[in-house]
């Protein structure tokens, strides 16, 4: 095993110190911090935007290209899960129904293989 040189240790300690300082900055202040109204309003949309940025490409793309067949189990699983959610407003049921449809089509019928 090689030894770690002094510059590497110094860099690690310095980065750790900067991280601790920036994360604890809110605790070091005497007055409470509040975000401006426009920032609070923008943060309301952040979770749905992040979810859309992650989930939508996973559903409509395969290996970096748009899907080109209707025999894609993800499309039917998303449709069934969305229908269940809008009908029952139940997140666990949405996951169960979506995965049941996905597995039935993928393993049962061999779609998407």
PDB file of N, CA and C in Angstrom:
ATOM      1  N   UNK A   1       0.845  -1.177   0.000  1.00  0.00           N
ATOM      2  CA  UNK A   1       0.000   0.000   0.000  1.00  0.00           C
ATOM      3  C   UNK A   1       0.889   1.238   0.000  1.00  0.00           C
ATOM      4  N   UNK A   2       0.545   2.236  -0.769  1.00  0.00           N
ATOM      5  CA  UNK A   2       1.363   3.438  -0.856  1.00  0.00           C
ATOM      6  C   UNK A   2       0.998   4.410   0.246  1.00  0.00           C
ATOM      7  N   UNK A   3       1.964   5.218   0.609  1.00  0.00           N
ATOM      8  CA  UNK A   3       1.727   6.230   1.637  1.00  0.00           C
ATOM      9  C   UNK A   3       1.057   7.446   1.011  1.00  0.00           C
ATOM     10  N   UNK A   4       0.244   8.117   1.811  1.00  0.00           N
ATOM     11  CA  UNK A   4      -0.412   9.333   1.346  1.00  0.00           C
ATOM     12  C   UNK A   4       0.501  10.512   1.655  1.00  0.00           C
ATOM     13  N   UNK A   5       0.726  11.351   0.655  1.00  0.00           N
ATOM     14  CA  UNK A   5       1.626  12.479   0.876  1.00  0.00           C
ATOM     15  C   UNK A   5       0.940  13.612   1.628  1.00  0.00           C
ATOM     16  N   UNK A   6       1.707  14.574   2.062  1.00  0.00           N
ATOM     17  CA  UNK A   6       1.215  15.663   2.903  1.00  0.00           C
ATOM     18  C   UNK A   6       0.205  16.542   2.167  1.00  0.00           C
ATOM     19  N   UNK A   7       0.403  16.774   0.878  1.00  0.00           N
ATOM     20  CA  UNK A   7      -0.513  17.623   0.119  1.00  0.00           C
ATOM     21  C   UNK A   7      -1.900  16.988   0.008  1.00  0.00           C
ATOM     22  N   UNK A   8      -1.941  15.697  -0.138  1.00  0.00           N
ATOM     23  CA  UNK A   8      -3.231  15.008  -0.208  1.00  0.00           C
ATOM     24  C   UNK A   8      -3.959  15.120   1.121  1.00  0.00           C
ATOM     25  N   UNK A   9      -3.252  14.884   2.225  1.00  0.00           N
ATOM     26  CA  UNK A   9      -3.869  15.025   3.545  1.00  0.00           C
ATOM     27  C   UNK A   9      -4.316  16.462   3.802  1.00  0.00           C
ATOM     28  N   UNK A  10      -3.489  17.426   3.410  1.00  0.00           N
ATOM     29  CA  UNK A  10      -3.851  18.833   3.580  1.00  0.00           C
ATOM     30  C   UNK A  10      -5.115  19.171   2.783  1.00  0.00           C
ATOM     31  N   UNK A  11      -5.206  18.667   1.567  1.00  0.00           N
ATOM     32  CA  UNK A  11      -6.374  18.923   0.725  1.00  0.00           C
ATOM     33  C   UNK A  11      -7.627  18.306   1.326  1.00  0.00           C
ATOM     34  N   UNK A  12      -7.515  17.084   1.833  1.00  0.00           N
ATOM     35  CA  UNK A  12      -8.672  16.425   2.445  1.00  0.00           C
ATOM     36  C   UNK A  12      -9.135  17.196   3.674  1.00  0.00           C
ATOM     37  N   UNK A  13      -8.210  17.600   4.527  1.00  0.00           N
ATOM     38  CA  UNK A  13      -8.566  18.355   5.740  1.00  0.00           C
ATOM     39  C   UNK A  13      -9.167  19.703   5.369  1.00  0.00           C
ATOM     40  N   UNK A  14      -8.597  20.383   4.385  1.00  0.00           N
ATOM     41  CA  UNK A  14      -9.122  21.682   3.959  1.00  0.00           C
ATOM     42  C   UNK A  14     -10.533  21.555   3.382  1.00  0.00           C
ATOM     43  N   UNK A  15     -10.762  20.565   2.536  1.00  0.00           N
ATOM     44  CA  UNK A  15     -12.096  20.370   1.969  1.00  0.00           C
ATOM     45  C   UNK A  15     -13.105  19.982   3.039  1.00  0.00           C
ATOM     46  N   UNK A  16     -12.688  19.181   4.003  1.00  0.00           N
ATOM     47  CA  UNK A  16     -13.581  18.830   5.110  1.00  0.00           C
ATOM     48  C   UNK A  16     -13.926  20.071   5.930  1.00  0.00           C
ATOM     49  N   UNK A  17     -12.954  20.914   6.164  1.00  0.00           N
ATOM     50  CA  UNK A  17     -13.213  22.150   6.912  1.00  0.00           C
ATOM     51  C   UNK A  17     -14.168  23.082   6.177  1.00  0.00           C
ATOM     52  N   UNK A  18     -13.964  23.247   4.884  1.00  0.00           N
ATOM     53  CA  UNK A  18     -14.865  24.088   4.097  1.00  0.00           C
ATOM     54  C   UNK A  18     -16.280  23.521   4.101  1.00  0.00           C
ATOM     55  N   UNK A  19     -16.398  22.207   3.996  1.00  0.00           N
ATOM     56  CA  UNK A  19     -17.715  21.565   4.012  1.00  0.00           C
ATOM     57  C   UNK A  19     -18.413  21.775   5.339  1.00  0.00           C
ATOM     58  N   UNK A  20     -17.713  21.562   6.437  1.00  0.00           N
ATOM     59  CA  UNK A  20     -18.307  21.758   7.766  1.00  0.00           C
ATOM     60  C   UNK A  20     -18.694  23.214   7.966  1.00  0.00           C
ATOM     61  N   UNK A  21     -17.842  24.132   7.575  1.00  0.00           N
ATOM     62  CA  UNK A  21     -18.145  25.560   7.748  1.00  0.00           C
ATOM     63  C   UNK A  21     -19.378  25.979   6.956  1.00  0.00           C
ATOM     64  N   UNK A  22     -19.457  25.565   5.700  1.00  0.00           N
ATOM     65  CA  UNK A  22     -20.602  25.987   4.884  1.00  0.00           C
ATOM     66  C   UNK A  22     -21.898  25.334   5.344  1.00  0.00           C
ATOM     67  N   UNK A  23     -21.829  24.121   5.842  1.00  0.00           N
ATOM     68  CA  UNK A  23     -23.046  23.457   6.322  1.00  0.00           C
ATOM     69  C   UNK A  23     -23.485  23.987   7.677  1.00  0.00           C
ATOM     70  N   UNK A  24     -22.548  24.446   8.492  1.00  0.00           N
ATOM     71  CA  UNK A  24     -22.879  24.951   9.825  1.00  0.00           C
ATOM     72  C   UNK A  24     -23.119  26.456   9.838  1.00  0.00           C
ATOM     73  N   UNK A  25     -22.990  27.107   8.722  1.00  0.00           N
ATOM     74  CA  UNK A  25     -23.152  28.555   8.660  1.00  0.00           C
ATOM     75  C   UNK A  25     -24.522  28.993   9.157  1.00  0.00           C
ATOM     76  N   UNK A  26     -25.539  28.208   8.897  1.00  0.00           N
ATOM     77  CA  UNK A  26     -26.883  28.555   9.330  1.00  0.00           C
ATOM     78  C   UNK A  26     -27.014  28.475  10.844  1.00  0.00           C
ATOM     79  N   UNK A  27     -26.253  27.608  11.477  1.00  0.00           N
ATOM     80  CA  UNK A  27     -26.324  27.456  12.933  1.00  0.00           C
ATOM     81  C   UNK A  27     -25.502  28.519  13.659  1.00  0.00           C
ATOM     82  N   UNK A  28     -24.548  29.123  12.994  1.00  0.00           N
ATOM     83  CA  UNK A  28     -23.683  30.113  13.628  1.00  0.00           C
ATOM     84  C   UNK A  28     -24.330  31.492  13.714  1.00  0.00           C
ATOM     85  N   UNK A  29     -25.353  31.732  12.953  1.00  0.00           N
ATOM     86  CA  UNK A  29     -26.015  33.040  12.935  1.00  0.00           C
ATOM     87  C   UNK A  29     -26.989  33.154  14.105  1.00  0.00           C
ATOM     88  N   UNK A  30     -27.117  34.389  14.645  1.00  0.00           N
ATOM     89  CA  UNK A  30     -28.043  34.635  15.754  1.00  0.00           C
ATOM     90  C   UNK A  30     -29.472  34.853  15.279  1.00  0.00           C
ATOM     91  N   UNK A  31     -29.642  35.401  14.099  1.00  0.00           N
ATOM     92  CA  UNK A  31     -30.990  35.666  13.616  1.00  0.00           C
ATOM     93  C   UNK A  31     -31.464  34.533  12.703  1.00  0.00           C
ATOM     94  N   UNK A  32     -32.763  34.286  12.647  1.00  0.00           N
ATOM     95  CA  UNK A  32     -33.271  33.210  11.791  1.00  0.00           C
ATOM     96  C   UNK A  32     -33.136  33.574  10.307  1.00  0.00           C
ATOM     97  N   UNK A  33     -32.892  32.559   9.505  1.00  0.00           N
ATOM     98  CA  UNK A  33     -32.756  32.746   8.071  1.00  0.00           C
ATOM     99  C   UNK A  33     -34.088  32.452   7.404  1.00  0.00           C
ATOM    100  N   UNK A  34     -34.482  33.287   6.487  1.00  0.00           N
ATOM    101  CA  UNK A  34     -35.691  33.045   5.705  1.00  0.00           C
ATOM    102  C   UNK A  34     -35.349  33.222   4.221  1.00  0.00           C
ATOM    103  N   UNK A  35     -35.940  32.389   3.436  1.00  0.00           N
ATOM    104  CA  UNK A  35     -35.773  32.509   1.994  1.00  0.00           C
ATOM    105  C   UNK A  35     -36.749  33.540   1.449  1.00  0.00           C
ATOM    106  N   UNK A  36     -36.375  34.232   0.401  1.00  0.00           N
ATOM    107  CA  UNK A  36     -37.339  35.128  -0.235  1.00  0.00           C
ATOM    108  C   UNK A  36     -38.533  34.344  -0.774  1.00  0.00           C
ATOM    109  N   UNK A  37     -39.644  35.025  -0.948  1.00  0.00           N
ATOM    110  CA  UNK A  37     -40.864  34.370  -1.397  1.00  0.00           C
ATOM    111  C   UNK A  37     -40.677  33.679  -2.751  1.00  0.00           C
ATOM    112  N   UNK A  38     -39.961  34.322  -3.664  1.00  0.00           N
ATOM    113  CA  UNK A  38     -39.765  33.731  -4.984  1.00  0.00           C
ATOM    114  C   UNK A  38     -38.955  32.437  -4.894  1.00  0.00           C
ATOM    115  N   UNK A  39     -38.015  32.350  -3.952  1.00  0.00           N
ATOM    116  CA  UNK A  39     -37.224  31.127  -3.797  1.00  0.00           C
ATOM    117  C   UNK A  39     -38.063  30.008  -3.174  1.00  0.00           C
ATOM    118  N   UNK A  40     -38.898  30.368  -2.198  1.00  0.00           N
ATOM    119  CA  UNK A  40     -39.780  29.368  -1.596  1.00  0.00           C
ATOM    120  C   UNK A  40     -40.751  28.813  -2.624  1.00  0.00           C
ATOM    121  N   UNK A  41     -41.282  29.689  -3.452  1.00  0.00           N
ATOM    122  CA  UNK A  41     -42.208  29.251  -4.491  1.00  0.00           C
ATOM    123  C   UNK A  41     -41.512  28.360  -5.517  1.00  0.00           C
ATOM    124  N   UNK A  42     -40.290  28.695  -5.876  1.00  0.00           N
ATOM    125  CA  UNK A  42     -39.533  27.877  -6.822  1.00  0.00           C
ATOM    126  C   UNK A  42     -39.203  26.504  -6.266  1.00  0.00           C
ATOM    127  N   UNK A  43     -38.930  26.416  -4.975  1.00  0.00           N
ATOM    128  CA  UNK A  43     -38.610  25.131  -4.362  1.00  0.00           C
ATOM    129  C   UNK A  43     -39.818  24.199  -4.300  1.00  0.00           C
ATOM    130  N   UNK A  44     -41.025  24.731  -4.414  1.00  0.00           N
ATOM    131  CA  UNK A  44     -42.208  23.876  -4.446  1.00  0.00           C
ATOM    132  C   UNK A  44     -42.238  23.017  -5.707  1.00  0.00           C
ATOM    133  N   UNK A  45     -41.651  23.520  -6.785  1.00  0.00           N
ATOM    134  CA  UNK A  45     -41.668  22.800  -8.055  1.00  0.00           C
ATOM    135  C   UNK A  45     -40.436  21.921  -8.257  1.00  0.00           C
ATOM    136  N   UNK A  46     -39.440  22.042  -7.405  1.00  0.00           N
ATOM    137  CA  UNK A  46     -38.195  21.289  -7.577  1.00  0.00           C
ATOM    138  C   UNK A  46     -38.400  19.776  -7.515  1.00  0.00           C
ATOM    139  N   UNK A  47     -39.153  19.226  -6.555  1.00  0.00           N
ATOM    140  CA  UNK A  47     -39.296  17.761  -6.527  1.00  0.00           C
ATOM    141  C   UNK A  47     -39.961  17.192  -7.772  1.00  0.00           C
ATOM    142  N   UNK A  48     -41.012  17.824  -8.261  1.00  0.00           N
ATOM    143  CA  UNK A  48     -41.694  17.299  -9.439  1.00  0.00           C
ATOM    144  C   UNK A  48     -40.823  17.457 -10.682  1.00  0.00           C
ATOM    145  N   UNK A  49     -40.030  18.521 -10.751  1.00  0.00           N
ATOM    146  CA  UNK A  49     -39.130  18.696 -11.886  1.00  0.00           C
ATOM    147  C   UNK A  49     -38.026  17.647 -11.872  1.00  0.00           C
ATOM    148  N   UNK A  50     -37.474  17.364 -10.690  1.00  0.00           N
ATOM    149  CA  UNK A  50     -36.431  16.349 -10.584  1.00  0.00           C
ATOM    150  C   UNK A  50     -36.998  14.969 -10.894  1.00  0.00           C
ATOM    151  N   UNK A  51     -38.194  14.691 -10.415  1.00  0.00           N
ATOM    152  CA  UNK A  51     -38.822  13.400 -10.694  1.00  0.00           C
ATOM    153  C   UNK A  51     -39.064  13.234 -12.186  1.00  0.00           C
ATOM    154  N   UNK A  52     -39.546  14.275 -12.823  1.00  0.00           N
ATOM    155  CA  UNK A  52     -39.766  14.214 -14.266  1.00  0.00           C
ATOM    156  C   UNK A  52     -38.476  14.047 -15.043  1.00  0.00           C
ATOM    157  N   UNK A  53     -37.416  14.685 -14.577  1.00  0.00           N
ATOM    158  CA  UNK A  53     -36.128  14.573 -15.273  1.00  0.00           C
ATOM    159  C   UNK A  53     -35.521  13.190 -15.146  1.00  0.00           C
ATOM    160  N   UNK A  54     -35.869  12.456 -14.102  1.00  0.00           N
ATOM    161  CA  UNK A  54     -35.323  11.119 -13.902  1.00  0.00           C
ATOM    162  C   UNK A  54     -36.236  10.046 -14.481  1.00  0.00           C
ATOM    163  N   UNK A  55     -37.534  10.148 -14.228  1.00  0.00           N
ATOM    164  CA  UNK A  55     -38.458   9.070 -14.571  1.00  0.00           C
ATOM    165  C   UNK A  55     -38.827   9.066 -16.049  1.00  0.00           C
ATOM    166  N   UNK A  56     -39.140  10.196 -16.616  1.00  0.00           N
ATOM    167  CA  UNK A  56     -39.620  10.240 -18.002  1.00  0.00           C
ATOM    168  C   UNK A  56     -38.602   9.661 -18.991  1.00  0.00           C
ATOM    169  N   UNK A  57     -37.322  10.039 -18.936  1.00  0.00           N
ATOM    170  CA  UNK A  57     -36.385   9.404 -19.864  1.00  0.00           C
ATOM    171  C   UNK A  57     -36.257   7.892 -19.651  1.00  0.00           C
ATOM    172  N   UNK A  58     -36.381   7.449 -18.405  1.00  0.00           N
ATOM    173  CA  UNK A  58     -36.293   6.012 -18.135  1.00  0.00           C
ATOM    174  C   UNK A  58     -37.467   5.256 -18.741  1.00  0.00           C
ATOM    175  N   UNK A  59     -38.607   5.898 -18.844  1.00  0.00           N
ATOM    176  CA  UNK A  59     -39.801   5.242 -19.375  1.00  0.00           C
ATOM    177  C   UNK A  59     -39.796   5.232 -20.902  1.00  0.00           C
ATOM    178  N   UNK A  60     -39.394   6.302 -21.531  1.00  0.00           N
ATOM    179  CA  UNK A  60     -39.552   6.417 -22.983  1.00  0.00           C
ATOM    180  C   UNK A  60     -38.286   6.123 -23.782  1.00  0.00           C
ATOM    181  N   UNK A  61     -37.179   5.805 -23.098  1.00  0.00           N
ATOM    182  CA  UNK A  61     -35.933   5.555 -23.817  1.00  0.00           C
ATOM    183  C   UNK A  61     -35.338   4.206 -23.426  1.00  0.00           C
ATOM    184  N   UNK A  62     -34.640   3.594 -24.364  1.00  0.00           N
ATOM    185  CA  UNK A  62     -33.885   2.372 -24.120  1.00  0.00           C
ATOM    186  C   UNK A  62     -32.487   2.557 -24.695  1.00  0.00           C
ATOM    187  N   UNK A  63     -31.487   2.453 -23.870  1.00  0.00           N
ATOM    188  CA  UNK A  63     -30.091   2.605 -24.262  1.00  0.00           C
ATOM    189  C   UNK A  63     -29.850   3.897 -25.043  1.00  0.00           C
ATOM    190  N   UNK A  64     -30.439   4.989 -24.563  1.00  0.00           N
ATOM    191  CA  UNK A  64     -30.208   6.298 -25.159  1.00  0.00           C
ATOM    192  C   UNK A  64     -31.030   6.630 -26.381  1.00  0.00           C
ATOM    193  N   UNK A  65     -31.918   5.759 -26.787  1.00  0.00           N
ATOM    194  CA  UNK A  65     -32.752   6.012 -27.959  1.00  0.00           C
ATOM    195  C   UNK A  65     -34.215   5.835 -27.577  1.00  0.00           C
ATOM    196  N   UNK A  66     -35.077   6.598 -28.235  1.00  0.00           N
ATOM    197  CA  UNK A  66     -36.506   6.462 -27.972  1.00  0.00           C
ATOM    198  C   UNK A  66     -36.979   5.055 -28.342  1.00  0.00           C
ATOM    199  N   UNK A  67     -37.935   4.562 -27.582  1.00  0.00           N
ATOM    200  CA  UNK A  67     -38.448   3.228 -27.883  1.00  0.00           C
ATOM    201  C   UNK A  67     -39.189   3.271 -29.214  1.00  0.00           C
ATOM    202  N   UNK A  68     -39.168   2.172 -29.913  1.00  0.00           N
ATOM    203  CA  UNK A  68     -39.745   2.152 -31.255  1.00  0.00           C
ATOM    204  C   UNK A  68     -40.811   1.076 -31.423  1.00  0.00           C
ATOM    205  N   UNK A  69     -41.260   0.493 -30.326  1.00  0.00           N
ATOM    206  CA  UNK A  69     -42.281  -0.541 -30.420  1.00  0.00           C
ATOM    207  C   UNK A  69     -43.347  -0.303 -29.358  1.00  0.00           C
ATOM    208  N   UNK A  70     -44.545  -0.748 -29.639  1.00  0.00           N
ATOM    209  CA  UNK A  70     -45.611  -0.606 -28.649  1.00  0.00           C
ATOM    210  C   UNK A  70     -45.550  -1.729 -27.624  1.00  0.00           C
ATOM    211  N   UNK A  71     -44.753  -2.763 -27.893  1.00  0.00           N
ATOM    212  CA  UNK A  71     -44.614  -3.873 -26.951  1.00  0.00           C
ATOM    213  C   UNK A  71     -43.531  -3.573 -25.915  1.00  0.00           C
ATOM    214  N   UNK A  72     -43.658  -2.452 -25.251  1.00  0.00           N
ATOM    215  CA  UNK A  72     -42.742  -2.033 -24.200  1.00  0.00           C
ATOM    216  C   UNK A  72     -43.492  -2.085 -22.878  1.00  0.00           C
ATOM    217  N   UNK A  73     -43.097  -2.961 -21.960  1.00  0.00           N
ATOM    218  CA  UNK A  73     -43.858  -3.128 -20.721  1.00  0.00           C
ATOM    219  C   UNK A  73     -43.862  -1.887 -19.835  1.00  0.00           C
ATOM    220  N   UNK A  74     -42.845  -1.045 -19.960  1.00  0.00           N
ATOM    221  CA  UNK A  74     -42.806   0.163 -19.118  1.00  0.00           C
ATOM    222  C   UNK A  74     -43.955   1.111 -19.428  1.00  0.00           C
ATOM    223  N   UNK A  75     -44.330   1.217 -20.692  1.00  0.00           N
ATOM    224  CA  UNK A  75     -45.432   2.112 -21.052  1.00  0.00           C
ATOM    225  C   UNK A  75     -46.747   1.671 -20.415  1.00  0.00           C
ATOM    226  N   UNK A  76     -47.018   0.380 -20.477  1.00  0.00           N
ATOM    227  CA  UNK A  76     -48.254  -0.137 -19.900  1.00  0.00           C
ATOM    228  C   UNK A  76     -48.218  -0.081 -18.372  1.00  0.00           C
ATOM    229  N   UNK A  77     -47.047  -0.300 -17.778  1.00  0.00           N
ATOM    230  CA  UNK A  77     -46.907  -0.229 -16.331  1.00  0.00           C
ATOM    231  C   UNK A  77     -47.129   1.193 -15.831  1.00  0.00           C
ATOM    232  N   UNK A  78     -46.592   2.163 -16.548  1.00  0.00           N
ATOM    233  CA  UNK A  78     -46.792   3.565 -16.159  1.00  0.00           C
ATOM    234  C   UNK A  78     -48.254   3.952 -16.308  1.00  0.00           C
ATOM    235  N   UNK A  79     -48.880   3.534 -17.393  1.00  0.00           N
ATOM    236  CA  UNK A  79     -50.297   3.852 -17.601  1.00  0.00           C
ATOM    237  C   UNK A  79     -51.159   3.228 -16.511  1.00  0.00           C
ATOM    238  N   UNK A  80     -50.891   1.967 -16.164  1.00  0.00           N
ATOM    239  CA  UNK A  80     -51.675   1.301 -15.121  1.00  0.00           C
ATOM    240  C   UNK A  80     -51.418   1.935 -13.762  1.00  0.00           C
ATOM    241  N   UNK A  81     -50.173   2.240 -13.470  1.00  0.00           N
ATOM    242  CA  UNK A  81     -49.853   2.886 -12.198  1.00  0.00           C
ATOM    243  C   UNK A  81     -50.479   4.263 -12.078  1.00  0.00           C
ATOM    244  N   UNK A  82     -50.431   5.046 -13.145  1.00  0.00           N
ATOM    245  CA  UNK A  82     -51.041   6.376 -13.121  1.00  0.00           C
ATOM    246  C   UNK A  82     -52.548   6.282 -12.963  1.00  0.00           C
ATOM    247  N   UNK A  83     -53.166   5.332 -13.664  1.00  0.00           N
ATOM    248  CA  UNK A  83     -54.616   5.155 -13.526  1.00  0.00           C
ATOM    249  C   UNK A  83     -54.978   4.783 -12.092  1.00  0.00           C
ATOM    250  N   UNK A  84     -54.201   3.882 -11.496  1.00  0.00           N
ATOM    251  CA  UNK A  84     -54.459   3.478 -10.107  1.00  0.00           C
ATOM    252  C   UNK A  84     -54.314   4.678  -9.169  1.00  0.00           C
ATOM    253  N   UNK A  85     -53.267   5.476  -9.377  1.00  0.00           N
ATOM    254  CA  UNK A  85     -53.054   6.622  -8.495  1.00  0.00           C
ATOM    255  C   UNK A  85     -54.190   7.631  -8.607  1.00  0.00           C
ATOM    256  N   UNK A  86     -54.631   7.934  -9.826  1.00  0.00           N
ATOM    257  CA  UNK A  86     -55.707   8.916  -9.979  1.00  0.00           C
ATOM    258  C   UNK A  86     -57.049   8.380  -9.492  1.00  0.00           C
ATOM    259  N   UNK A  87     -57.188   7.048  -9.483  1.00  0.00           N
ATOM    260  CA  UNK A  87     -58.424   6.449  -8.992  1.00  0.00           C
ATOM    261  C   UNK A  87     -58.433   6.359  -7.475  1.00  0.00           C
ATOM    262  N   UNK A  88     -57.326   5.864  -6.870  1.00  0.00           N
ATOM    263  CA  UNK A  88     -57.308   5.583  -5.437  1.00  0.00           C
ATOM    264  C   UNK A  88     -56.459   6.551  -4.603  1.00  0.00           C
ATOM    265  N   UNK A  89     -55.589   7.338  -5.215  1.00  0.00           N
ATOM    266  CA  UNK A  89     -54.670   8.238  -4.499  1.00  0.00           C
ATOM    267  C   UNK A  89     -53.796   7.469  -3.502  1.00  0.00           C
ATOM    268  N   UNK A  90     -53.296   6.307  -3.913  1.00  0.00           N
ATOM    269  CA  UNK A  90     -52.524   5.427  -3.058  1.00  0.00           C
ATOM    270  C   UNK A  90     -51.168   5.160  -3.709  1.00  0.00           C
ATOM    271  N   UNK A  91     -50.094   5.637  -3.088  1.00  0.00           N
ATOM    272  CA  UNK A  91     -48.769   5.500  -3.682  1.00  0.00           C
ATOM    273  C   UNK A  91     -48.302   4.048  -3.669  1.00  0.00           C
ATOM    274  N   UNK A  92     -48.522   3.353  -2.558  1.00  0.00           N
ATOM    275  CA  UNK A  92     -48.101   1.951  -2.488  1.00  0.00           C
ATOM    276  C   UNK A  92     -48.824   1.107  -3.532  1.00  0.00           C
ATOM    277  N   UNK A  93     -50.103   1.321  -3.691  1.00  0.00           N
ATOM    278  CA  UNK A  93     -50.860   0.610  -4.716  1.00  0.00           C
ATOM    279  C   UNK A  93     -50.363   0.930  -6.109  1.00  0.00           C
ATOM    280  N   UNK A  94     -49.967   2.166  -6.328  1.00  0.00           N
ATOM    281  CA  UNK A  94     -49.418   2.570  -7.623  1.00  0.00           C
ATOM    282  C   UNK A  94     -48.167   1.772  -7.941  1.00  0.00           C
ATOM    283  N   UNK A  95     -47.285   1.641  -6.959  1.00  0.00           N
ATOM    284  CA  UNK A  95     -46.047   0.884  -7.164  1.00  0.00           C
ATOM    285  C   UNK A  95     -46.352  -0.585  -7.403  1.00  0.00           C
ATOM    286  N   UNK A  96     -47.239  -1.150  -6.601  1.00  0.00           N
ATOM    287  CA  UNK A  96     -47.568  -2.572  -6.728  1.00  0.00           C
ATOM    288  C   UNK A  96     -48.214  -2.861  -8.083  1.00  0.00           C
ATOM    289  N   UNK A  97     -49.200  -2.072  -8.470  1.00  0.00           N
ATOM    290  CA  UNK A  97     -49.882  -2.288  -9.752  1.00  0.00           C
ATOM    291  C   UNK A  97     -48.915  -2.105 -10.918  1.00  0.00           C
ATOM    292  N   UNK A  98     -48.126  -1.042 -10.881  1.00  0.00           N
ATOM    293  CA  UNK A  98     -47.167  -0.801 -11.961  1.00  0.00           C
ATOM    294  C   UNK A  98     -46.169  -1.933 -12.102  1.00  0.00           C
ATOM    295  N   UNK A  99     -45.623  -2.406 -10.984  1.00  0.00           N
ATOM    296  CA  UNK A  99     -44.655  -3.502 -11.045  1.00  0.00           C
ATOM    297  C   UNK A  99     -45.313  -4.814 -11.448  1.00  0.00           C
ATOM    298  N   UNK A 100     -46.546  -5.033 -11.018  1.00  0.00           N
ATOM    299  CA  UNK A 100     -47.247  -6.270 -11.403  1.00  0.00           C
ATOM    300  C   UNK A 100     -47.462  -6.313 -12.917  1.00  0.00           C
ATOM    301  N   UNK A 101     -47.899  -5.199 -13.481  1.00  0.00           N
ATOM    302  CA  UNK A 101     -48.099  -5.138 -14.930  1.00  0.00           C
ATOM    303  C   UNK A 101     -46.762  -5.288 -15.656  1.00  0.00           C
ATOM    304  N   UNK A 102     -45.751  -4.595 -15.162  1.00  0.00           N
ATOM    305  CA  UNK A 102     -44.426  -4.662 -15.796  1.00  0.00           C
ATOM    306  C   UNK A 102     -43.886  -6.088 -15.788  1.00  0.00           C
ATOM    307  N   UNK A 103     -43.925  -6.737 -14.631  1.00  0.00           N
ATOM    308  CA  UNK A 103     -43.397  -8.100 -14.539  1.00  0.00           C
ATOM    309  C   UNK A 103     -44.216  -9.094 -15.348  1.00  0.00           C
ATOM    310  N   UNK A 104     -45.529  -8.920 -15.365  1.00  0.00           N
ATOM    311  CA  UNK A 104     -46.368  -9.825 -16.147  1.00  0.00           C
ATOM    312  C   UNK A 104     -46.049  -9.718 -17.633  1.00  0.00           C
ATOM    313  N   UNK A 105     -45.866  -8.511 -18.124  1.00  0.00           N
ATOM    314  CA  UNK A 105     -45.573  -8.335 -19.548  1.00  0.00           C
ATOM    315  C   UNK A 105     -44.139  -8.740 -19.890  1.00  0.00           C
ATOM    316  N   UNK A 106     -43.209  -8.411 -19.019  1.00  0.00           N
ATOM    317  CA  UNK A 106     -41.799  -8.698 -19.311  1.00  0.00           C
ATOM    318  C   UNK A 106     -41.481 -10.180 -19.145  1.00  0.00           C
ATOM    319  N   UNK A 107     -41.887 -10.752 -18.013  1.00  0.00           N
ATOM    320  CA  UNK A 107     -41.562 -12.159 -17.770  1.00  0.00           C
ATOM    321  C   UNK A 107     -42.590 -13.106 -18.373  1.00  0.00           C
ATOM    322  N   UNK A 108     -43.843 -12.711 -18.312  1.00  0.00           N
ATOM    323  CA  UNK A 108     -44.893 -13.589 -18.822  1.00  0.00           C
ATOM    324  C   UNK A 108     -44.964 -13.639 -20.324  1.00  0.00           C
ATOM    325  N   UNK A 109     -44.925 -12.471 -20.954  1.00  0.00           N
ATOM    326  CA  UNK A 109     -45.042 -12.415 -22.425  1.00  0.00           C
ATOM    327  C   UNK A 109     -43.699 -12.193 -23.137  1.00  0.00           C
ATOM    328  N   UNK A 110     -42.663 -11.880 -22.377  1.00  0.00           N
ATOM    329  CA  UNK A 110     -41.351 -11.674 -22.976  1.00  0.00           C
ATOM    330  C   UNK A 110     -41.186 -10.345 -23.680  1.00  0.00           C
ATOM    331  N   UNK A 111     -42.020  -9.374 -23.359  1.00  0.00           N
ATOM    332  CA  UNK A 111     -41.902  -8.057 -23.979  1.00  0.00           C
ATOM    333  C   UNK A 111     -40.657  -7.349 -23.448  1.00  0.00           C
ATOM    334  N   UNK A 112     -40.034  -6.576 -24.272  1.00  0.00           N
ATOM    335  CA  UNK A 112     -38.924  -5.741 -23.862  1.00  0.00           C
ATOM    336  C   UNK A 112     -37.621  -6.481 -23.621  1.00  0.00           C
ATOM    337  N   UNK A 113     -37.536  -7.722 -24.031  1.00  0.00           N
ATOM    338  CA  UNK A 113     -36.288  -8.473 -23.813  1.00  0.00           C
ATOM    339  C   UNK A 113     -35.338  -8.307 -24.957  1.00  0.00           C
TER     340      UNK A 113
END
